Amino acid sequence: MAQTASLQAVEISFALKAAGADARCGQPLGPIGAPATLASLRDARLYVQDIALINDKGQPTSVKLNASDWQNDQVALIDFEDATGSCAGGTPAVNTVVTGTVPTGNYNGLTFTVGVPVSQNHTSTELEGAPLDLAAMGWSWQAGRKFIKLEVNPEGGVTKADGSSSPTWFVHLGSTGCTGNPVTGETVSCMRPNRLPVVLAPFDVTQHQVVLDLNSLFGSSDITRDKGAAAGCMSNPADKDCVEVFERLGLSLDTGRELKQGVSPVFSASAKK
């Protein structure tokens, strides 16, 4: 980490894994799910906010984010897809790091929240700057955002409850039960915020990376079959497929809040390559 008299630069790396390997577009994925099924990646993006390093006293210190096409002063977009192969329709550029600065010090942990701050979430993708300007990450309810957009194509497709089929099993995480119209200036309030706080310790930004593991996420889900509603889970509290997905994320499907403080089974720290 480069240092000045009072600040040090930090770069926090993220990785997407499946069956112990990097999950990439255009390459076989998995096997994942229950039962274990080969698949291909269709999309993989997420927003993170409230990023902080934890010092040797156990206190979080906010990371001041660098302005770029991938992050503003409050939120960053992690993008694993590159628009190749089965990810056609995405964006060619990828981003797997969050960059910023913290006061010079000793840090041994990381905390962040998967989500977009309320003040920036319920806005138009057409009017916002990067990284909130992507229509593909737009959430139709109250002009919000998809906090997580993970989509996989299992071999043989997905058999839906009504007998029809879909090529893709979706995981879209976003706030639900929202009221208030931001277009007319109303304040938006959501019954289920569905923001996911994560604490990783020990975590050394120079040695570790944040891993989002697809085997863990889909560990209880049959990605070849859908139980009703959308194919997969789009945060609908009445969708039976969301029961397993939310449990794996570490969120309550009923309240949209964390099940255990700072713990999400799908996120972990691992040594950088």
Protein backbone atom coordinates (compact mmCIF):
# COMPACT_ATOMS: atom_id res chain seq x y z
CA MET A 1 0.00 0.00 0.00
CA ALA A 2 1.46 3.35 -1.03
CA GLN A 3 1.69 5.80 1.86
CA THR A 4 1.81 9.55 2.39
CA ALA A 5 2.35 11.33 5.70
CA SER A 6 -1.26 10.79 6.79
CA LEU A 7 -3.00 8.57 4.25
CA GLN A 8 -2.40 5.21 2.66
CA ALA A 9 -3.86 3.95 -0.58
CA VAL A 10 -5.82 0.71 -0.48
CA GLU A 11 -7.01 -1.68 -3.16
CA ILE A 12 -9.58 -4.28 -2.14
CA SER A 13 -9.80 -7.21 -4.54
CA PHE A 14 -12.88 -9.32 -5.27
CA ALA A 15 -13.09 -12.73 -6.94
CA LEU A 16 -15.94 -14.93 -8.18
CA LYS A 17 -15.39 -18.66 -7.66
CA ALA A 18 -17.14 -21.90 -8.61
CA ALA A 19 -15.85 -25.36 -7.76
CA GLY A 20 -12.64 -23.76 -6.52
CA ALA A 21 -11.85 -22.02 -9.82
CA ASP A 22 -12.40 -18.50 -11.10
CA ALA A 23 -15.86 -18.21 -12.64
CA ARG A 24 -15.56 -16.68 -16.09
CA CYS A 25 -17.78 -16.07 -19.08
CA GLY A 26 -17.43 -18.58 -21.90
CA GLN A 27 -15.98 -21.33 -19.70
CA PRO A 28 -17.75 -24.29 -18.04
CA LEU A 29 -19.00 -23.33 -14.62
CA GLY A 30 -19.24 -25.65 -11.70
CA PRO A 31 -20.74 -28.06 -11.15
CA ILE A 32 -22.94 -26.00 -8.82
CA GLY A 33 -26.31 -26.38 -7.12
CA ALA A 34 -28.11 -29.35 -5.56
CA PRO A 35 -27.92 -31.64 -7.42
CA ALA A 36 -24.54 -30.49 -8.77
CA THR A 37 -25.02 -29.28 -12.34
CA LEU A 38 -22.68 -27.90 -14.97
CA ALA A 39 -23.59 -24.39 -16.05
CA SER A 40 -22.29 -21.27 -17.75
CA LEU A 41 -22.15 -17.75 -16.40
CA ARG A 42 -24.60 -15.24 -17.90
CA ASP A 43 -24.08 -12.22 -15.61
CA ALA A 44 -22.28 -11.41 -12.37
CA ARG A 45 -22.29 -7.89 -10.90
CA LEU A 46 -22.82 -6.36 -7.47
CA TYR A 47 -22.76 -3.01 -5.71
CA VAL A 48 -20.92 -2.47 -2.42
CA GLN A 49 -21.22 0.44 0.01
CA ASP A 50 -20.03 1.39 3.53
CA ILE A 51 -16.57 -0.03 2.86
CA ALA A 52 -14.25 0.18 5.85
CA LEU A 53 -11.07 -1.39 7.20
CA ILE A 54 -10.97 -2.60 10.80
CA ASN A 55 -7.98 -1.45 12.83
CA ASP A 56 -6.10 -3.36 15.51
CA LYS A 57 -8.50 -1.98 18.12
CA GLY A 58 -11.49 -3.48 16.33
CA GLN A 59 -12.72 -0.11 15.08
CA PRO A 60 -13.93 0.37 11.48
CA THR A 61 -12.31 3.17 9.47
CA SER A 62 -14.16 4.25 6.34
CA VAL A 63 -12.37 3.95 3.02
CA LYS A 64 -12.56 7.21 1.07
CA LEU A 65 -13.38 6.00 -2.42
CA ASN A 66 -11.59 7.29 -5.50
CA ALA A 67 -13.91 8.72 -8.15
CA SER A 68 -13.91 6.63 -11.33
CA ASP A 69 -16.21 4.93 -13.83
CA TRP A 70 -16.65 2.18 -11.23
CA GLN A 71 -17.23 4.11 -8.03
CA ASN A 72 -18.49 7.39 -6.64
CA ASP A 73 -18.00 8.70 -3.12
CA GLN A 74 -20.36 6.13 -1.56
CA VAL A 75 -20.71 3.03 -3.70
CA ALA A 76 -18.65 0.82 -6.03
CA LEU A 77 -19.66 -1.60 -8.78
CA ILE A 78 -17.92 -4.97 -8.99
CA ASP A 79 -18.35 -6.47 -12.47
CA PHE A 80 -17.10 -9.98 -13.29
CA GLU A 81 -18.78 -10.42 -16.69
CA ASP A 82 -17.04 -9.35 -19.92
CA ALA A 83 -19.80 -9.69 -22.56
CA THR A 84 -18.17 -12.77 -24.12
CA GLY A 85 -19.69 -16.20 -24.68
CA SER A 86 -22.81 -16.76 -22.59
CA CYS A 87 -22.42 -13.24 -21.13
CA ALA A 88 -23.22 -11.59 -24.47
CA GLY A 89 -25.34 -8.52 -23.78
CA GLY A 90 -23.21 -7.41 -20.85
CA THR A 91 -20.35 -4.91 -20.90
CA PRO A 92 -16.81 -5.69 -22.14
CA ALA A 93 -15.06 -3.90 -19.27
CA VAL A 94 -14.64 -5.69 -15.94
CA ASN A 95 -13.85 -4.39 -12.48
CA THR A 96 -12.76 -6.54 -9.54
CA VAL A 97 -11.26 -3.94 -7.19
CA VAL A 98 -12.35 -1.11 -4.92
CA THR A 99 -9.77 1.65 -4.55
CA GLY A 100 -9.48 4.46 -2.04
CA THR A 101 -7.55 5.80 0.93
CA VAL A 102 -7.58 5.44 4.71
CA PRO A 103 -5.59 7.14 7.45
CA THR A 104 -2.19 5.52 7.84
CA GLY A 105 -2.44 2.70 10.38
CA ASN A 106 -2.59 -1.01 11.06
CA TYR A 107 -5.66 -2.80 9.74
CA ASN A 108 -6.58 -6.47 10.04
CA GLY A 109 -10.21 -6.67 8.96
CA LEU A 110 -12.70 -5.52 6.34
CA THR A 111 -16.36 -4.62 6.44
CA PHE A 112 -18.71 -3.68 3.61
CA THR A 113 -22.38 -3.85 2.72
CA VAL A 114 -23.76 -5.29 -0.50
CA GLY A 115 -26.17 -2.60 -1.62
CA VAL A 116 -26.64 0.99 -2.70
CA PRO A 117 -27.22 3.78 -0.13
CA VAL A 118 -30.86 4.77 0.21
CA SER A 119 -30.10 8.34 -0.91
CA GLN A 120 -28.68 7.08 -4.22
CA ASN A 121 -30.70 3.92 -4.77
CA HIS A 122 -34.08 5.34 -5.73
CA THR A 123 -32.89 7.42 -8.67
CA SER A 124 -33.01 7.17 -12.44
CA THR A 125 -30.22 5.30 -14.22
CA GLU A 126 -30.60 7.85 -17.04
CA LEU A 127 -29.86 10.80 -14.76
CA GLU A 128 -27.18 9.36 -12.47
CA GLY A 129 -23.46 9.21 -13.13
CA ALA A 130 -21.26 6.15 -12.93
CA PRO A 131 -21.54 3.58 -11.47
CA LEU A 132 -25.31 4.02 -11.05
CA ASP A 133 -26.05 4.73 -14.71
CA LEU A 134 -26.37 1.14 -15.93
CA ALA A 135 -29.87 0.22 -17.07
CA ALA A 136 -28.90 -3.45 -16.68
CA MET A 137 -28.56 -2.90 -12.93
CA GLY A 138 -31.82 -0.96 -12.68
CA TRP A 139 -34.54 -2.35 -10.41
CA SER A 140 -38.04 -1.71 -11.67
CA TRP A 141 -39.52 -1.09 -8.22
CA GLN A 142 -39.28 2.57 -7.18
CA ALA A 143 -36.38 3.21 -9.60
CA GLY A 144 -34.01 1.26 -7.38
CA ARG A 145 -31.02 -0.93 -8.19
CA LYS A 146 -30.20 -4.60 -8.25
CA PHE A 147 -27.64 -4.94 -5.47
CA ILE A 148 -26.62 -8.35 -6.79
CA LYS A 149 -27.20 -9.60 -10.32
CA LEU A 150 -26.08 -13.21 -10.71
CA GLU A 151 -27.37 -15.30 -13.59
CA VAL A 152 -26.35 -18.80 -14.68
CA ASN A 153 -27.40 -21.06 -17.53
CA PRO A 154 -27.53 -24.70 -16.35
CA GLU A 155 -26.98 -27.43 -18.91
CA GLY A 156 -30.38 -28.45 -20.25
CA GLY A 157 -32.01 -25.22 -19.05
CA VAL A 158 -34.51 -24.61 -16.26
CA THR A 159 -37.86 -26.42 -16.05
CA LYS A 160 -40.45 -24.03 -14.62
CA ALA A 161 -43.37 -24.96 -12.39
CA ASP A 162 -45.88 -24.54 -15.24
CA GLY A 163 -43.94 -26.91 -17.49
CA SER A 164 -42.34 -24.20 -19.62
CA SER A 165 -38.59 -23.69 -19.73
CA SER A 166 -36.04 -20.94 -19.28
CA PRO A 167 -32.35 -20.96 -20.23
CA THR A 168 -31.40 -18.99 -17.12
CA TRP A 169 -31.63 -19.25 -13.33
CA PHE A 170 -31.61 -15.74 -11.85
CA VAL A 171 -30.53 -14.26 -8.53
CA HIS A 172 -31.49 -10.57 -8.32
CA LEU A 173 -31.19 -8.95 -4.91
CA GLY A 174 -32.82 -5.58 -4.27
CA SER A 175 -35.08 -3.75 -1.83
CA THR A 176 -38.74 -4.83 -1.84
CA GLY A 177 -42.01 -3.70 -0.31
CA CYS A 178 -41.21 -0.11 -1.24
CA THR A 179 -43.62 2.82 -1.11
CA GLY A 180 -43.27 6.39 -2.33
CA ASN A 181 -42.68 7.69 -5.85
CA PRO A 182 -39.22 9.27 -6.29
CA VAL A 183 -40.26 10.75 -9.65
CA THR A 184 -42.69 13.09 -7.88
CA GLY A 185 -40.27 13.84 -5.07
CA GLU A 186 -41.75 11.47 -2.51
CA THR A 187 -39.48 9.77 0.02
CA VAL A 188 -39.15 6.07 -0.68
CA SER A 189 -39.41 3.63 2.21
CA CYS A 190 -38.84 -0.12 1.78
CA MET A 191 -40.23 -2.78 4.09
CA ARG A 192 -37.38 -5.16 3.22
CA PRO A 193 -34.12 -3.26 2.53
CA ASN A 194 -32.20 -6.45 1.60
CA ARG A 195 -28.81 -4.82 2.12
CA LEU A 196 -26.22 -7.36 3.22
CA PRO A 197 -23.52 -6.33 5.73
CA VAL A 198 -20.35 -8.45 5.63
CA VAL A 199 -17.44 -8.54 8.09
CA LEU A 200 -14.25 -10.41 7.20
CA ALA A 201 -11.52 -10.83 9.80
CA PRO A 202 -8.68 -11.44 9.61
CA PHE A 203 -8.32 -9.58 6.33
CA ASP A 204 -5.14 -7.90 5.02
CA VAL A 205 -5.78 -5.96 1.80
CA THR A 206 -2.21 -6.66 0.64
CA GLN A 207 -2.61 -10.43 0.99
CA HIS A 208 -6.32 -11.28 0.85
CA GLN A 209 -9.20 -11.00 -1.57
CA VAL A 210 -12.96 -11.12 -1.05
CA VAL A 211 -14.42 -14.29 -2.56
CA LEU A 212 -18.04 -14.68 -3.66
CA ASP A 213 -18.53 -18.43 -3.94
CA LEU A 214 -21.22 -19.75 -6.28
CA ASN A 215 -21.14 -23.24 -4.77
CA SER A 216 -22.08 -21.71 -1.44
CA LEU A 217 -24.76 -19.46 -2.95
CA PHE A 218 -26.43 -22.28 -4.88
CA GLY A 219 -25.61 -24.97 -2.31
CA SER A 220 -29.27 -25.67 -1.50
CA SER A 221 -30.82 -24.76 -4.87
CA ASP A 222 -31.73 -26.97 -7.80
CA ILE A 223 -30.84 -24.61 -10.65
CA THR A 224 -32.46 -26.93 -13.21
CA ARG A 225 -35.94 -26.52 -11.73
CA ASP A 226 -38.02 -23.58 -10.59
CA LYS A 227 -40.69 -23.73 -7.91
CA GLY A 228 -42.81 -20.88 -9.26
CA ALA A 229 -42.79 -17.13 -9.97
CA ALA A 230 -39.60 -15.97 -11.70
CA ALA A 231 -36.98 -18.54 -12.75
CA GLY A 232 -34.74 -18.46 -9.71
CA CYS A 233 -35.00 -15.74 -7.08
CA MET A 234 -35.73 -12.07 -7.69
CA SER A 235 -36.21 -11.17 -4.00
CA ASN A 236 -39.95 -11.89 -4.02
CA PRO A 237 -40.77 -12.94 -0.43
CA ALA A 238 -43.44 -15.29 -1.78
CA ASP A 239 -41.01 -17.06 -4.15
CA LYS A 240 -40.12 -20.50 -2.75
CA ASP A 241 -36.76 -20.46 -4.54
CA CYS A 242 -35.78 -17.41 -2.50
CA VAL A 243 -35.96 -19.34 0.78
CA GLU A 244 -32.69 -21.20 0.12
CA VAL A 245 -31.00 -18.28 -1.64
CA PHE A 246 -31.66 -15.80 1.15
CA GLU A 247 -30.54 -18.29 3.79
CA ARG A 248 -27.25 -18.75 1.93
CA LEU A 249 -26.83 -14.98 1.59
CA GLY A 250 -27.46 -14.56 5.31
CA LEU A 251 -30.62 -12.49 4.95
CA SER A 252 -34.13 -12.90 6.32
CA LEU A 253 -36.59 -13.28 3.46
CA ASP A 254 -39.34 -11.91 5.72
CA THR A 255 -37.59 -8.80 7.07
CA GLY A 256 -34.80 -8.16 4.55
CA ARG A 257 -32.24 -7.89 7.36
CA GLU A 258 -29.17 -9.91 8.25
CA LEU A 259 -29.67 -13.21 10.07
CA LYS A 260 -26.38 -13.04 11.96
CA GLN A 261 -24.44 -9.82 12.34
CA GLY A 262 -21.76 -9.48 9.68
CA VAL A 263 -22.01 -13.09 8.52
CA SER A 264 -22.79 -14.17 4.96
CA PRO A 265 -21.95 -17.78 4.03
CA VAL A 266 -21.30 -16.82 0.40
CA PHE A 267 -18.50 -14.32 1.18
CA SER A 268 -15.10 -15.24 2.55
CA ALA A 269 -11.48 -14.11 2.53
CA SER A 270 -8.79 -16.02 0.67
CA ALA A 271 -5.15 -15.46 -0.22
CA LYS A 272 -4.53 -13.55 -3.44
CA LYS A 273 -2.92 -15.53 -6.23
